[in-house]
């Protein structure tokens, strides 16, 4: 959990977490990191994201009403958080029109970051 807290705002894969943890805990195995991340996700302590790059990524859970969105570079895999609430008005319209109570949403934009575009 220390690695997740120290890298708050980043979206780390289990492999990246493993590489950071094994410096202090050389006997740890990658399977242990996977199991631990699954437990932390089930406990609501981390968010598990799928950015369609073949591996799950994790970030620290924040107890907030606002769901942030992500920009994902399809070349280098860089993930940028979009803090603006882009869908609040749309959510209200959908709830009203369809008599539906929305509890969450997930929005991902795929493209090229500045470094890969240049």
PDB file of N, CA and C in Angstrom:
ATOM      1  N   UNK A   1       0.831  -1.194   0.000  1.00  0.00           N
ATOM      2  CA  UNK A   1       0.000   0.000   0.000  1.00  0.00           C
ATOM      3  C   UNK A   1       0.871   1.251   0.000  1.00  0.00           C
ATOM      4  N   UNK A   2       2.060   1.159   0.601  1.00  0.00           N
ATOM      5  CA  UNK A   2       2.962   2.312   0.636  1.00  0.00           C
ATOM      6  C   UNK A   2       3.331   2.773  -0.771  1.00  0.00           C
ATOM      7  N   UNK A   3       3.528   1.828  -1.681  1.00  0.00           N
ATOM      8  CA  UNK A   3       3.894   2.179  -3.057  1.00  0.00           C
ATOM      9  C   UNK A   3       2.748   2.923  -3.734  1.00  0.00           C
ATOM     10  N   UNK A   4       1.522   2.485  -3.517  1.00  0.00           N
ATOM     11  CA  UNK A   4       0.354   3.149  -4.106  1.00  0.00           C
ATOM     12  C   UNK A   4       0.234   4.568  -3.563  1.00  0.00           C
ATOM     13  N   UNK A   5       0.385   4.730  -2.262  1.00  0.00           N
ATOM     14  CA  UNK A   5       0.286   6.055  -1.647  1.00  0.00           C
ATOM     15  C   UNK A   5       1.410   6.957  -2.134  1.00  0.00           C
ATOM     16  N   UNK A   6       2.625   6.432  -2.211  1.00  0.00           N
ATOM     17  CA  UNK A   6       3.772   7.230  -2.655  1.00  0.00           C
ATOM     18  C   UNK A   6       3.656   7.632  -4.121  1.00  0.00           C
ATOM     19  N   UNK A   7       2.863   6.906  -4.882  1.00  0.00           N
ATOM     20  CA  UNK A   7       2.687   7.196  -6.307  1.00  0.00           C
ATOM     21  C   UNK A   7       1.261   7.640  -6.611  1.00  0.00           C
ATOM     22  N   UNK A   8       0.667   8.340  -5.655  1.00  0.00           N
ATOM     23  CA  UNK A   8      -0.703   8.813  -5.819  1.00  0.00           C
ATOM     24  C   UNK A   8      -0.823   9.637  -7.101  1.00  0.00           C
ATOM     25  N   UNK A   9      -1.895   9.398  -7.831  1.00  0.00           N
ATOM     26  CA  UNK A   9      -2.103  10.096  -9.094  1.00  0.00           C
ATOM     27  C   UNK A   9      -1.584   9.326 -10.288  1.00  0.00           C
ATOM     28  N   UNK A  10      -0.785   8.290 -10.030  1.00  0.00           N
ATOM     29  CA  UNK A  10      -0.281   7.454 -11.117  1.00  0.00           C
ATOM     30  C   UNK A  10      -1.168   6.224 -11.245  1.00  0.00           C
ATOM     31  N   UNK A  11      -1.107   5.597 -12.386  1.00  0.00           N
ATOM     32  CA  UNK A  11      -1.902   4.406 -12.667  1.00  0.00           C
ATOM     33  C   UNK A  11      -0.929   3.259 -12.898  1.00  0.00           C
ATOM     34  N   UNK A  12      -0.590   2.576 -11.820  1.00  0.00           N
ATOM     35  CA  UNK A  12       0.462   1.561 -11.854  1.00  0.00           C
ATOM     36  C   UNK A  12      -0.094   0.171 -12.137  1.00  0.00           C
ATOM     37  N   UNK A  13       0.627  -0.588 -12.932  1.00  0.00           N
ATOM     38  CA  UNK A  13       0.275  -1.990 -13.159  1.00  0.00           C
ATOM     39  C   UNK A  13       0.854  -2.821 -12.018  1.00  0.00           C
ATOM     40  N   UNK A  14       0.388  -4.056 -11.888  1.00  0.00           N
ATOM     41  CA  UNK A  14       0.932  -4.953 -10.857  1.00  0.00           C
ATOM     42  C   UNK A  14       2.422  -5.170 -11.079  1.00  0.00           C
ATOM     43  N   UNK A  15       2.833  -5.232 -12.339  1.00  0.00           N
ATOM     44  CA  UNK A  15       4.254  -5.415 -12.650  1.00  0.00           C
ATOM     45  C   UNK A  15       5.088  -4.223 -12.182  1.00  0.00           C
ATOM     46  N   UNK A  16       4.565  -3.008 -12.400  1.00  0.00           N
ATOM     47  CA  UNK A  16       5.278  -1.807 -11.951  1.00  0.00           C
ATOM     48  C   UNK A  16       5.352  -1.752 -10.428  1.00  0.00           C
ATOM     49  N   UNK A  17       4.259  -2.125  -9.769  1.00  0.00           N
ATOM     50  CA  UNK A  17       4.243  -2.160  -8.303  1.00  0.00           C
ATOM     51  C   UNK A  17       5.253  -3.184  -7.804  1.00  0.00           C
ATOM     52  N   UNK A  18       5.267  -4.347  -8.426  1.00  0.00           N
ATOM     53  CA  UNK A  18       6.213  -5.405  -8.060  1.00  0.00           C
ATOM     54  C   UNK A  18       7.654  -4.909  -8.158  1.00  0.00           C
ATOM     55  N   UNK A  19       8.002  -4.242  -9.252  1.00  0.00           N
ATOM     56  CA  UNK A  19       9.366  -3.732  -9.430  1.00  0.00           C
ATOM     57  C   UNK A  19       9.745  -2.753  -8.320  1.00  0.00           C
ATOM     58  N   UNK A  20       8.795  -1.943  -7.874  1.00  0.00           N
ATOM     59  CA  UNK A  20       9.070  -0.979  -6.802  1.00  0.00           C
ATOM     60  C   UNK A  20       9.174  -1.659  -5.442  1.00  0.00           C
ATOM     61  N   UNK A  21       8.296  -2.631  -5.190  1.00  0.00           N
ATOM     62  CA  UNK A  21       8.254  -3.300  -3.887  1.00  0.00           C
ATOM     63  C   UNK A  21       9.455  -4.215  -3.683  1.00  0.00           C
ATOM     64  N   UNK A  22       9.899  -4.892  -4.732  1.00  0.00           N
ATOM     65  CA  UNK A  22      10.970  -5.879  -4.558  1.00  0.00           C
ATOM     66  C   UNK A  22      12.298  -5.241  -4.159  1.00  0.00           C
ATOM     67  N   UNK A  23      12.458  -3.943  -4.335  1.00  0.00           N
ATOM     68  CA  UNK A  23      13.670  -3.265  -3.852  1.00  0.00           C
ATOM     69  C   UNK A  23      13.779  -3.351  -2.336  1.00  0.00           C
ATOM     70  N   UNK A  24      12.641  -3.231  -1.652  1.00  0.00           N
ATOM     71  CA  UNK A  24      12.620  -3.309  -0.186  1.00  0.00           C
ATOM     72  C   UNK A  24      12.296  -4.704   0.321  1.00  0.00           C
ATOM     73  N   UNK A  25      11.682  -5.511  -0.516  1.00  0.00           N
ATOM     74  CA  UNK A  25      11.240  -6.860  -0.146  1.00  0.00           C
ATOM     75  C   UNK A  25      11.657  -7.828  -1.248  1.00  0.00           C
ATOM     76  N   UNK A  26      12.939  -8.178  -1.346  1.00  0.00           N
ATOM     77  CA  UNK A  26      13.411  -8.987  -2.472  1.00  0.00           C
ATOM     78  C   UNK A  26      12.778 -10.371  -2.576  1.00  0.00           C
ATOM     79  N   UNK A  27      12.202 -10.885  -1.499  1.00  0.00           N
ATOM     80  CA  UNK A  27      11.609 -12.227  -1.525  1.00  0.00           C
ATOM     81  C   UNK A  27      10.166 -12.241  -2.026  1.00  0.00           C
ATOM     82  N   UNK A  28       9.590 -11.075  -2.277  1.00  0.00           N
ATOM     83  CA  UNK A  28       8.190 -11.022  -2.713  1.00  0.00           C
ATOM     84  C   UNK A  28       8.068 -11.550  -4.142  1.00  0.00           C
ATOM     85  N   UNK A  29       6.938 -12.179  -4.428  1.00  0.00           N
ATOM     86  CA  UNK A  29       6.687 -12.687  -5.773  1.00  0.00           C
ATOM     87  C   UNK A  29       5.625 -11.857  -6.472  1.00  0.00           C
ATOM     88  N   UNK A  30       5.638 -11.896  -7.776  1.00  0.00           N
ATOM     89  CA  UNK A  30       4.657 -11.149  -8.560  1.00  0.00           C
ATOM     90  C   UNK A  30       3.236 -11.620  -8.254  1.00  0.00           C
ATOM     91  N   UNK A  31       3.056 -12.924  -8.036  1.00  0.00           N
ATOM     92  CA  UNK A  31       1.726 -13.455  -7.715  1.00  0.00           C
ATOM     93  C   UNK A  31       1.189 -12.850  -6.425  1.00  0.00           C
ATOM     94  N   UNK A  32       2.069 -12.602  -5.462  1.00  0.00           N
ATOM     95  CA  UNK A  32       1.659 -11.972  -4.202  1.00  0.00           C
ATOM     96  C   UNK A  32       1.147 -10.564  -4.454  1.00  0.00           C
ATOM     97  N   UNK A  33       1.816  -9.838  -5.336  1.00  0.00           N
ATOM     98  CA  UNK A  33       1.374  -8.478  -5.671  1.00  0.00           C
ATOM     99  C   UNK A  33       0.006  -8.533  -6.340  1.00  0.00           C
ATOM    100  N   UNK A  34      -0.188  -9.462  -7.276  1.00  0.00           N
ATOM    101  CA  UNK A  34      -1.491  -9.604  -7.932  1.00  0.00           C
ATOM    102  C   UNK A  34      -2.595  -9.896  -6.915  1.00  0.00           C
ATOM    103  N   UNK A  35      -2.337 -10.835  -6.006  1.00  0.00           N
ATOM    104  CA  UNK A  35      -3.341 -11.182  -4.990  1.00  0.00           C
ATOM    105  C   UNK A  35      -3.626  -9.995  -4.082  1.00  0.00           C
ATOM    106  N   UNK A  36      -2.583  -9.289  -3.683  1.00  0.00           N
ATOM    107  CA  UNK A  36      -2.753  -8.136  -2.798  1.00  0.00           C
ATOM    108  C   UNK A  36      -3.570  -7.047  -3.481  1.00  0.00           C
ATOM    109  N   UNK A  37      -3.290  -6.785  -4.751  1.00  0.00           N
ATOM    110  CA  UNK A  37      -4.037  -5.750  -5.467  1.00  0.00           C
ATOM    111  C   UNK A  37      -5.499  -6.154  -5.628  1.00  0.00           C
ATOM    112  N   UNK A  38      -5.759  -7.441  -5.824  1.00  0.00           N
ATOM    113  CA  UNK A  38      -7.137  -7.913  -5.914  1.00  0.00           C
ATOM    114  C   UNK A  38      -7.865  -7.691  -4.588  1.00  0.00           C
ATOM    115  N   UNK A  39      -7.199  -7.990  -3.483  1.00  0.00           N
ATOM    116  CA  UNK A  39      -7.792  -7.792  -2.157  1.00  0.00           C
ATOM    117  C   UNK A  39      -8.060  -6.308  -1.910  1.00  0.00           C
ATOM    118  N   UNK A  40      -7.099  -5.442  -2.252  1.00  0.00           N
ATOM    119  CA  UNK A  40      -7.264  -3.996  -2.057  1.00  0.00           C
ATOM    120  C   UNK A  40      -8.400  -3.453  -2.925  1.00  0.00           C
ATOM    121  N   UNK A  41      -8.548  -3.995  -4.128  1.00  0.00           N
ATOM    122  CA  UNK A  41      -9.647  -3.590  -5.008  1.00  0.00           C
ATOM    123  C   UNK A  41     -10.984  -4.020  -4.416  1.00  0.00           C
ATOM    124  N   UNK A  42     -11.076  -5.262  -3.974  1.00  0.00           N
ATOM    125  CA  UNK A  42     -12.317  -5.771  -3.383  1.00  0.00           C
ATOM    126  C   UNK A  42     -12.675  -5.032  -2.101  1.00  0.00           C
ATOM    127  N   UNK A  43     -11.658  -4.554  -1.372  1.00  0.00           N
ATOM    128  CA  UNK A  43     -11.888  -3.812  -0.130  1.00  0.00           C
ATOM    129  C   UNK A  43     -12.214  -2.345  -0.396  1.00  0.00           C
ATOM    130  N   UNK A  44     -12.142  -1.928  -1.660  1.00  0.00           N
ATOM    131  CA  UNK A  44     -12.452  -0.541  -1.995  1.00  0.00           C
ATOM    132  C   UNK A  44     -11.344   0.438  -1.664  1.00  0.00           C
ATOM    133  N   UNK A  45     -10.123  -0.049  -1.547  1.00  0.00           N
ATOM    134  CA  UNK A  45      -9.000   0.831  -1.208  1.00  0.00           C
ATOM    135  C   UNK A  45      -8.274   1.349  -2.447  1.00  0.00           C
ATOM    136  N   UNK A  46      -8.419   0.644  -3.561  1.00  0.00           N
ATOM    137  CA  UNK A  46      -7.845   1.085  -4.834  1.00  0.00           C
ATOM    138  C   UNK A  46      -8.900   0.911  -5.926  1.00  0.00           C
ATOM    139  N   UNK A  47      -8.748   1.685  -6.986  1.00  0.00           N
ATOM    140  CA  UNK A  47      -9.536   1.490  -8.202  1.00  0.00           C
ATOM    141  C   UNK A  47      -8.727   0.608  -9.138  1.00  0.00           C
ATOM    142  N   UNK A  48      -9.393  -0.318  -9.776  1.00  0.00           N
ATOM    143  CA  UNK A  48      -8.759  -1.143 -10.799  1.00  0.00           C
ATOM    144  C   UNK A  48      -9.269  -0.649 -12.153  1.00  0.00           C
ATOM    145  N   UNK A  49      -8.351  -0.235 -13.017  1.00  0.00           N
ATOM    146  CA  UNK A  49      -8.711   0.294 -14.330  1.00  0.00           C
ATOM    147  C   UNK A  49      -8.263  -0.655 -15.430  1.00  0.00           C
ATOM    148  N   UNK A  50      -9.037  -0.702 -16.497  1.00  0.00           N
ATOM    149  CA  UNK A  50      -8.655  -1.408 -17.713  1.00  0.00           C
ATOM    150  C   UNK A  50      -8.548  -0.368 -18.813  1.00  0.00           C
ATOM    151  N   UNK A  51      -7.328  -0.081 -19.236  1.00  0.00           N
ATOM    152  CA  UNK A  51      -7.101   0.904 -20.287  1.00  0.00           C
ATOM    153  C   UNK A  51      -6.839   0.232 -21.633  1.00  0.00           C
ATOM    154  N   UNK A  52      -7.308  -0.991 -21.782  1.00  0.00           N
ATOM    155  CA  UNK A  52      -7.221  -1.738 -23.044  1.00  0.00           C
ATOM    156  C   UNK A  52      -5.790  -1.916 -23.538  1.00  0.00           C
ATOM    157  N   UNK A  53      -4.843  -2.018 -22.598  1.00  0.00           N
ATOM    158  CA  UNK A  53      -3.447  -2.262 -22.985  1.00  0.00           C
ATOM    159  C   UNK A  53      -2.973  -3.637 -22.530  1.00  0.00           C
ATOM    160  N   UNK A  54      -3.922  -4.488 -22.129  1.00  0.00           N
ATOM    161  CA  UNK A  54      -3.580  -5.853 -21.759  1.00  0.00           C
ATOM    162  C   UNK A  54      -3.208  -6.054 -20.305  1.00  0.00           C
ATOM    163  N   UNK A  55      -3.241  -4.988 -19.500  1.00  0.00           N
ATOM    164  CA  UNK A  55      -2.948  -5.164 -18.074  1.00  0.00           C
ATOM    165  C   UNK A  55      -3.773  -4.180 -17.255  1.00  0.00           C
ATOM    166  N   UNK A  56      -4.132  -4.621 -16.074  1.00  0.00           N
ATOM    167  CA  UNK A  56      -4.886  -3.765 -15.167  1.00  0.00           C
ATOM    168  C   UNK A  56      -3.953  -2.748 -14.543  1.00  0.00           C
ATOM    169  N   UNK A  57      -4.514  -1.589 -14.257  1.00  0.00           N
ATOM    170  CA  UNK A  57      -3.753  -0.536 -13.578  1.00  0.00           C
ATOM    171  C   UNK A  57      -4.544  -0.111 -12.354  1.00  0.00           C
ATOM    172  N   UNK A  58      -3.814   0.336 -11.346  1.00  0.00           N
ATOM    173  CA  UNK A  58      -4.430   0.650 -10.067  1.00  0.00           C
ATOM    174  C   UNK A  58      -4.095   2.074  -9.647  1.00  0.00           C
ATOM    175  N   UNK A  59      -5.062   2.689  -8.958  1.00  0.00           N
ATOM    176  CA  UNK A  59      -4.809   3.980  -8.331  1.00  0.00           C
ATOM    177  C   UNK A  59      -5.544   4.020  -7.001  1.00  0.00           C
ATOM    178  N   UNK A  60      -5.073   4.860  -6.125  1.00  0.00           N
ATOM    179  CA  UNK A  60      -5.635   4.995  -4.791  1.00  0.00           C
ATOM    180  C   UNK A  60      -7.085   5.450  -4.871  1.00  0.00           C
ATOM    181  N   UNK A  61      -7.954   4.840  -4.080  1.00  0.00           N
ATOM    182  CA  UNK A  61      -9.364   5.214  -4.035  1.00  0.00           C
ATOM    183  C   UNK A  61      -9.514   6.536  -3.301  1.00  0.00           C
ATOM    184  N   UNK A  62     -10.327   7.423  -3.861  1.00  0.00           N
ATOM    185  CA  UNK A  62     -10.662   8.686  -3.208  1.00  0.00           C
ATOM    186  C   UNK A  62     -12.166   8.716  -3.007  1.00  0.00           C
ATOM    187  N   UNK A  63     -12.590   8.986  -1.804  1.00  0.00           N
ATOM    188  CA  UNK A  63     -14.015   9.054  -1.493  1.00  0.00           C
ATOM    189  C   UNK A  63     -14.538  10.425  -1.913  1.00  0.00           C
ATOM    190  N   UNK A  64     -14.974  10.504  -3.153  1.00  0.00           N
ATOM    191  CA  UNK A  64     -15.453  11.773  -3.694  1.00  0.00           C
ATOM    192  C   UNK A  64     -16.598  11.505  -4.653  1.00  0.00           C
ATOM    193  N   UNK A  65     -17.406  12.511  -4.872  1.00  0.00           N
ATOM    194  CA  UNK A  65     -18.533  12.364  -5.789  1.00  0.00           C
ATOM    195  C   UNK A  65     -18.086  12.412  -7.245  1.00  0.00           C
ATOM    196  N   UNK A  66     -17.004  13.126  -7.513  1.00  0.00           N
ATOM    197  CA  UNK A  66     -16.562  13.353  -8.887  1.00  0.00           C
ATOM    198  C   UNK A  66     -15.794  12.155  -9.432  1.00  0.00           C
ATOM    199  N   UNK A  67     -16.214  11.668 -10.573  1.00  0.00           N
ATOM    200  CA  UNK A  67     -15.510  10.589 -11.269  1.00  0.00           C
ATOM    201  C   UNK A  67     -14.619  11.231 -12.317  1.00  0.00           C
ATOM    202  N   UNK A  68     -13.311  11.068 -12.193  1.00  0.00           N
ATOM    203  CA  UNK A  68     -12.445  11.654 -13.212  1.00  0.00           C
ATOM    204  C   UNK A  68     -12.326  10.720 -14.408  1.00  0.00           C
ATOM    205  N   UNK A  69     -11.887  11.285 -15.509  1.00  0.00           N
ATOM    206  CA  UNK A  69     -11.793  10.558 -16.763  1.00  0.00           C
ATOM    207  C   UNK A  69     -10.330  10.436 -17.159  1.00  0.00           C
ATOM    208  N   UNK A  70     -10.060   9.690 -18.210  1.00  0.00           N
ATOM    209  CA  UNK A  70      -8.673   9.421 -18.581  1.00  0.00           C
ATOM    210  C   UNK A  70      -8.425   9.627 -20.064  1.00  0.00           C
ATOM    211  N   UNK A  71      -7.234  10.166 -20.362  1.00  0.00           N
ATOM    212  CA  UNK A  71      -6.699  10.248 -21.716  1.00  0.00           C
ATOM    213  C   UNK A  71      -5.601   9.200 -21.789  1.00  0.00           C
ATOM    214  N   UNK A  72      -5.666   8.303 -22.763  1.00  0.00           N
ATOM    215  CA  UNK A  72      -4.699   7.210 -22.863  1.00  0.00           C
ATOM    216  C   UNK A  72      -3.987   7.294 -24.207  1.00  0.00           C
ATOM    217  N   UNK A  73      -2.662   7.412 -24.168  1.00  0.00           N
ATOM    218  CA  UNK A  73      -1.867   7.441 -25.396  1.00  0.00           C
ATOM    219  C   UNK A  73      -1.729   6.012 -25.919  1.00  0.00           C
ATOM    220  N   UNK A  74      -2.143   5.796 -27.161  1.00  0.00           N
ATOM    221  CA  UNK A  74      -2.093   4.446 -27.730  1.00  0.00           C
ATOM    222  C   UNK A  74      -0.700   4.080 -28.224  1.00  0.00           C
ATOM    223  N   UNK A  75       0.227   5.027 -28.157  1.00  0.00           N
ATOM    224  CA  UNK A  75       1.600   4.732 -28.562  1.00  0.00           C
ATOM    225  C   UNK A  75       2.464   4.356 -27.360  1.00  0.00           C
ATOM    226  N   UNK A  76       2.528   5.227 -26.346  1.00  0.00           N
ATOM    227  CA  UNK A  76       3.428   4.992 -25.208  1.00  0.00           C
ATOM    228  C   UNK A  76       2.711   4.495 -23.957  1.00  0.00           C
ATOM    229  N   UNK A  77       1.368   4.546 -23.931  1.00  0.00           N
ATOM    230  CA  UNK A  77       0.611   4.070 -22.777  1.00  0.00           C
ATOM    231  C   UNK A  77       0.438   5.090 -21.674  1.00  0.00           C
ATOM    232  N   UNK A  78       0.916   6.311 -21.873  1.00  0.00           N
ATOM    233  CA  UNK A  78       0.771   7.364 -20.861  1.00  0.00           C
ATOM    234  C   UNK A  78      -0.705   7.583 -20.559  1.00  0.00           C
ATOM    235  N   UNK A  79      -1.020   7.762 -19.266  1.00  0.00           N
ATOM    236  CA  UNK A  79      -2.389   8.000 -18.828  1.00  0.00           C
ATOM    237  C   UNK A  79      -2.436   9.359 -18.144  1.00  0.00           C
ATOM    238  N   UNK A  80      -3.360  10.205 -18.587  1.00  0.00           N
ATOM    239  CA  UNK A  80      -3.540  11.538 -18.014  1.00  0.00           C
ATOM    240  C   UNK A  80      -4.955  11.618 -17.467  1.00  0.00           C
ATOM    241  N   UNK A  81      -5.092  12.139 -16.250  1.00  0.00           N
ATOM    242  CA  UNK A  81      -6.412  12.303 -15.654  1.00  0.00           C
ATOM    243  C   UNK A  81      -7.040  13.610 -16.116  1.00  0.00           C
ATOM    244  N   UNK A  82      -8.332  13.549 -16.441  1.00  0.00           N
ATOM    245  CA  UNK A  82      -9.118  14.732 -16.783  1.00  0.00           C
ATOM    246  C   UNK A  82      -9.996  15.015 -15.577  1.00  0.00           C
ATOM    247  N   UNK A  83      -9.750  16.128 -14.912  1.00  0.00           N
ATOM    248  CA  UNK A  83     -10.471  16.438 -13.675  1.00  0.00           C
ATOM    249  C   UNK A  83     -11.839  17.068 -13.921  1.00  0.00           C
ATOM    250  N   UNK A  84     -12.036  17.673 -15.084  1.00  0.00           N
ATOM    251  CA  UNK A  84     -13.319  18.312 -15.363  1.00  0.00           C
ATOM    252  C   UNK A  84     -14.424  17.268 -15.416  1.00  0.00           C
ATOM    253  N   UNK A  85     -15.563  17.589 -14.825  1.00  0.00           N
ATOM    254  CA  UNK A  85     -16.697  16.670 -14.856  1.00  0.00           C
ATOM    255  C   UNK A  85     -17.448  16.901 -16.156  1.00  0.00           C
ATOM    256  N   UNK A  86     -17.142  16.102 -17.151  1.00  0.00           N
ATOM    257  CA  UNK A  86     -17.658  16.304 -18.498  1.00  0.00           C
ATOM    258  C   UNK A  86     -19.087  15.797 -18.686  1.00  0.00           C
ATOM    259  N   UNK A  87     -19.554  14.963 -17.799  1.00  0.00           N
ATOM    260  CA  UNK A  87     -20.825  14.277 -18.040  1.00  0.00           C
ATOM    261  C   UNK A  87     -21.926  14.605 -17.042  1.00  0.00           C
ATOM    262  N   UNK A  88     -21.714  15.550 -16.154  1.00  0.00           N
ATOM    263  CA  UNK A  88     -22.704  15.809 -15.105  1.00  0.00           C
ATOM    264  C   UNK A  88     -24.067  16.172 -15.694  1.00  0.00           C
ATOM    265  N   UNK A  89     -24.093  17.101 -16.638  1.00  0.00           N
ATOM    266  CA  UNK A  89     -25.366  17.505 -17.241  1.00  0.00           C
ATOM    267  C   UNK A  89     -25.997  16.345 -18.006  1.00  0.00           C
ATOM    268  N   UNK A  90     -25.184  15.604 -18.749  1.00  0.00           N
ATOM    269  CA  UNK A  90     -25.699  14.454 -19.495  1.00  0.00           C
ATOM    270  C   UNK A  90     -26.286  13.408 -18.548  1.00  0.00           C
ATOM    271  N   UNK A  91     -25.624  13.166 -17.421  1.00  0.00           N
ATOM    272  CA  UNK A  91     -26.144  12.210 -16.436  1.00  0.00           C
ATOM    273  C   UNK A  91     -27.532  12.615 -15.963  1.00  0.00           C
ATOM    274  N   UNK A  92     -27.707  13.898 -15.642  1.00  0.00           N
ATOM    275  CA  UNK A  92     -29.017  14.374 -15.169  1.00  0.00           C
ATOM    276  C   UNK A  92     -30.089  14.191 -16.247  1.00  0.00           C
ATOM    277  N   UNK A  93     -29.738  14.481 -17.497  1.00  0.00           N
ATOM    278  CA  UNK A  93     -30.695  14.317 -18.593  1.00  0.00           C
ATOM    279  C   UNK A  93     -31.074  12.851 -18.777  1.00  0.00           C
ATOM    280  N   UNK A  94     -30.093  11.955 -18.734  1.00  0.00           N
ATOM    281  CA  UNK A  94     -30.357  10.521 -18.898  1.00  0.00           C
ATOM    282  C   UNK A  94     -31.207  10.005 -17.743  1.00  0.00           C
ATOM    283  N   UNK A  95     -30.864  10.406 -16.520  1.00  0.00           N
ATOM    284  CA  UNK A  95     -31.650   9.966 -15.361  1.00  0.00           C
ATOM    285  C   UNK A  95     -33.102  10.398 -15.488  1.00  0.00           C
ATOM    286  N   UNK A  96     -33.306  11.634 -15.909  1.00  0.00           N
ATOM    287  CA  UNK A  96     -34.660  12.162 -16.038  1.00  0.00           C
ATOM    288  C   UNK A  96     -35.416  11.491 -17.182  1.00  0.00           C
ATOM    289  N   UNK A  97     -34.798  11.408 -18.333  1.00  0.00           N
ATOM    290  CA  UNK A  97     -35.469  10.870 -19.522  1.00  0.00           C
ATOM    291  C   UNK A  97     -35.805   9.389 -19.387  1.00  0.00           C
ATOM    292  N   UNK A  98     -34.902   8.615 -18.778  1.00  0.00           N
ATOM    293  CA  UNK A  98     -35.073   7.164 -18.713  1.00  0.00           C
ATOM    294  C   UNK A  98     -35.464   6.654 -17.328  1.00  0.00           C
ATOM    295  N   UNK A  99     -35.729   7.584 -16.396  1.00  0.00           N
ATOM    296  CA  UNK A  99     -36.072   7.206 -15.024  1.00  0.00           C
ATOM    297  C   UNK A  99     -35.070   6.181 -14.502  1.00  0.00           C
ATOM    298  N   UNK A 100     -33.801   6.576 -14.556  1.00  0.00           N
ATOM    299  CA  UNK A 100     -32.684   5.693 -14.230  1.00  0.00           C
ATOM    300  C   UNK A 100     -31.778   6.401 -13.238  1.00  0.00           C
ATOM    301  N   UNK A 101     -31.324   5.698 -12.224  1.00  0.00           N
ATOM    302  CA  UNK A 101     -30.428   6.279 -11.223  1.00  0.00           C
ATOM    303  C   UNK A 101     -28.992   5.850 -11.513  1.00  0.00           C
ATOM    304  N   UNK A 102     -28.189   6.785 -12.018  1.00  0.00           N
ATOM    305  CA  UNK A 102     -26.795   6.496 -12.355  1.00  0.00           C
ATOM    306  C   UNK A 102     -25.948   6.589 -11.094  1.00  0.00           C
ATOM    307  N   UNK A 103     -25.146   5.564 -10.835  1.00  0.00           N
ATOM    308  CA  UNK A 103     -24.268   5.586  -9.664  1.00  0.00           C
ATOM    309  C   UNK A 103     -22.805   5.787 -10.039  1.00  0.00           C
ATOM    310  N   UNK A 104     -22.467   5.546 -11.304  1.00  0.00           N
ATOM    311  CA  UNK A 104     -21.075   5.692 -11.720  1.00  0.00           C
ATOM    312  C   UNK A 104     -21.002   5.678 -13.240  1.00  0.00           C
ATOM    313  N   UNK A 105     -19.885   6.141 -13.756  1.00  0.00           N
ATOM    314  CA  UNK A 105     -19.616   6.051 -15.190  1.00  0.00           C
ATOM    315  C   UNK A 105     -18.110   5.990 -15.383  1.00  0.00           C
ATOM    316  N   UNK A 106     -17.709   5.625 -16.587  1.00  0.00           N
ATOM    317  CA  UNK A 106     -16.292   5.488 -16.897  1.00  0.00           C
ATOM    318  C   UNK A 106     -16.079   6.000 -18.314  1.00  0.00           C
ATOM    319  N   UNK A 107     -15.204   6.988 -18.466  1.00  0.00           N
ATOM    320  CA  UNK A 107     -14.966   7.573 -19.779  1.00  0.00           C
ATOM    321  C   UNK A 107     -13.475   7.578 -20.065  1.00  0.00           C
ATOM    322  N   UNK A 108     -13.102   7.009 -21.211  1.00  0.00           N
ATOM    323  CA  UNK A 108     -11.698   6.949 -21.622  1.00  0.00           C
ATOM    324  C   UNK A 108     -11.589   7.518 -23.029  1.00  0.00           C
ATOM    325  N   UNK A 109     -10.583   8.369 -23.234  1.00  0.00           N
ATOM    326  CA  UNK A 109     -10.274   8.895 -24.558  1.00  0.00           C
ATOM    327  C   UNK A 109      -8.950   8.287 -24.997  1.00  0.00           C
ATOM    328  N   UNK A 110      -8.897   7.755 -26.208  1.00  0.00           N
ATOM    329  CA  UNK A 110      -7.675   7.164 -26.744  1.00  0.00           C
ATOM    330  C   UNK A 110      -7.140   8.050 -27.860  1.00  0.00           C
ATOM    331  N   UNK A 111      -5.836   8.257 -27.870  1.00  0.00           N
ATOM    332  CA  UNK A 111      -5.210   9.087 -28.898  1.00  0.00           C
ATOM    333  C   UNK A 111      -3.712   9.114 -28.690  1.00  0.00           C
ATOM    334  N   UNK A 112      -3.076  10.243 -29.046  1.00  0.00           N
ATOM    335  CA  UNK A 112      -1.628  10.390 -28.935  1.00  0.00           C
ATOM    336  C   UNK A 112      -1.285  11.566 -28.035  1.00  0.00           C
ATOM    337  N   UNK A 113      -0.384  11.343 -27.088  1.00  0.00           N
ATOM    338  CA  UNK A 113       0.083  12.420 -26.215  1.00  0.00           C
ATOM    339  C   UNK A 113       0.987  13.362 -27.014  1.00  0.00           C
ATOM    340  N   UNK A 114       1.311  14.493 -26.424  1.00  0.00           N
ATOM    341  CA  UNK A 114       2.134  15.497 -27.099  1.00  0.00           C
ATOM    342  C   UNK A 114       3.472  14.924 -27.555  1.00  0.00           C
ATOM    343  N   UNK A 115       4.120  14.141 -26.684  1.00  0.00           N
ATOM    344  CA  UNK A 115       5.437  13.592 -27.013  1.00  0.00           C
ATOM    345  C   UNK A 115       5.373  12.637 -28.206  1.00  0.00           C
ATOM    346  N   UNK A 116       4.335  11.823 -28.280  1.00  0.00           N
ATOM    347  CA  UNK A 116       4.220  10.851 -29.371  1.00  0.00           C
ATOM    348  C   UNK A 116       3.701  11.489 -30.658  1.00  0.00           C
ATOM    349  N   UNK A 117       2.988  12.572 -30.526  1.00  0.00           N
ATOM    350  CA  UNK A 117       2.432  13.264 -31.687  1.00  0.00           C
ATOM    351  C   UNK A 117       3.499  14.070 -32.423  1.00  0.00           C
ATOM    352  N   UNK A 118       4.476  14.576 -31.679  1.00  0.00           N
ATOM    353  CA  UNK A 118       5.529  15.424 -32.277  1.00  0.00           C
ATOM    354  C   UNK A 118       6.581  14.619 -32.997  1.00  0.00           C
TER     355      UNK A 118
END
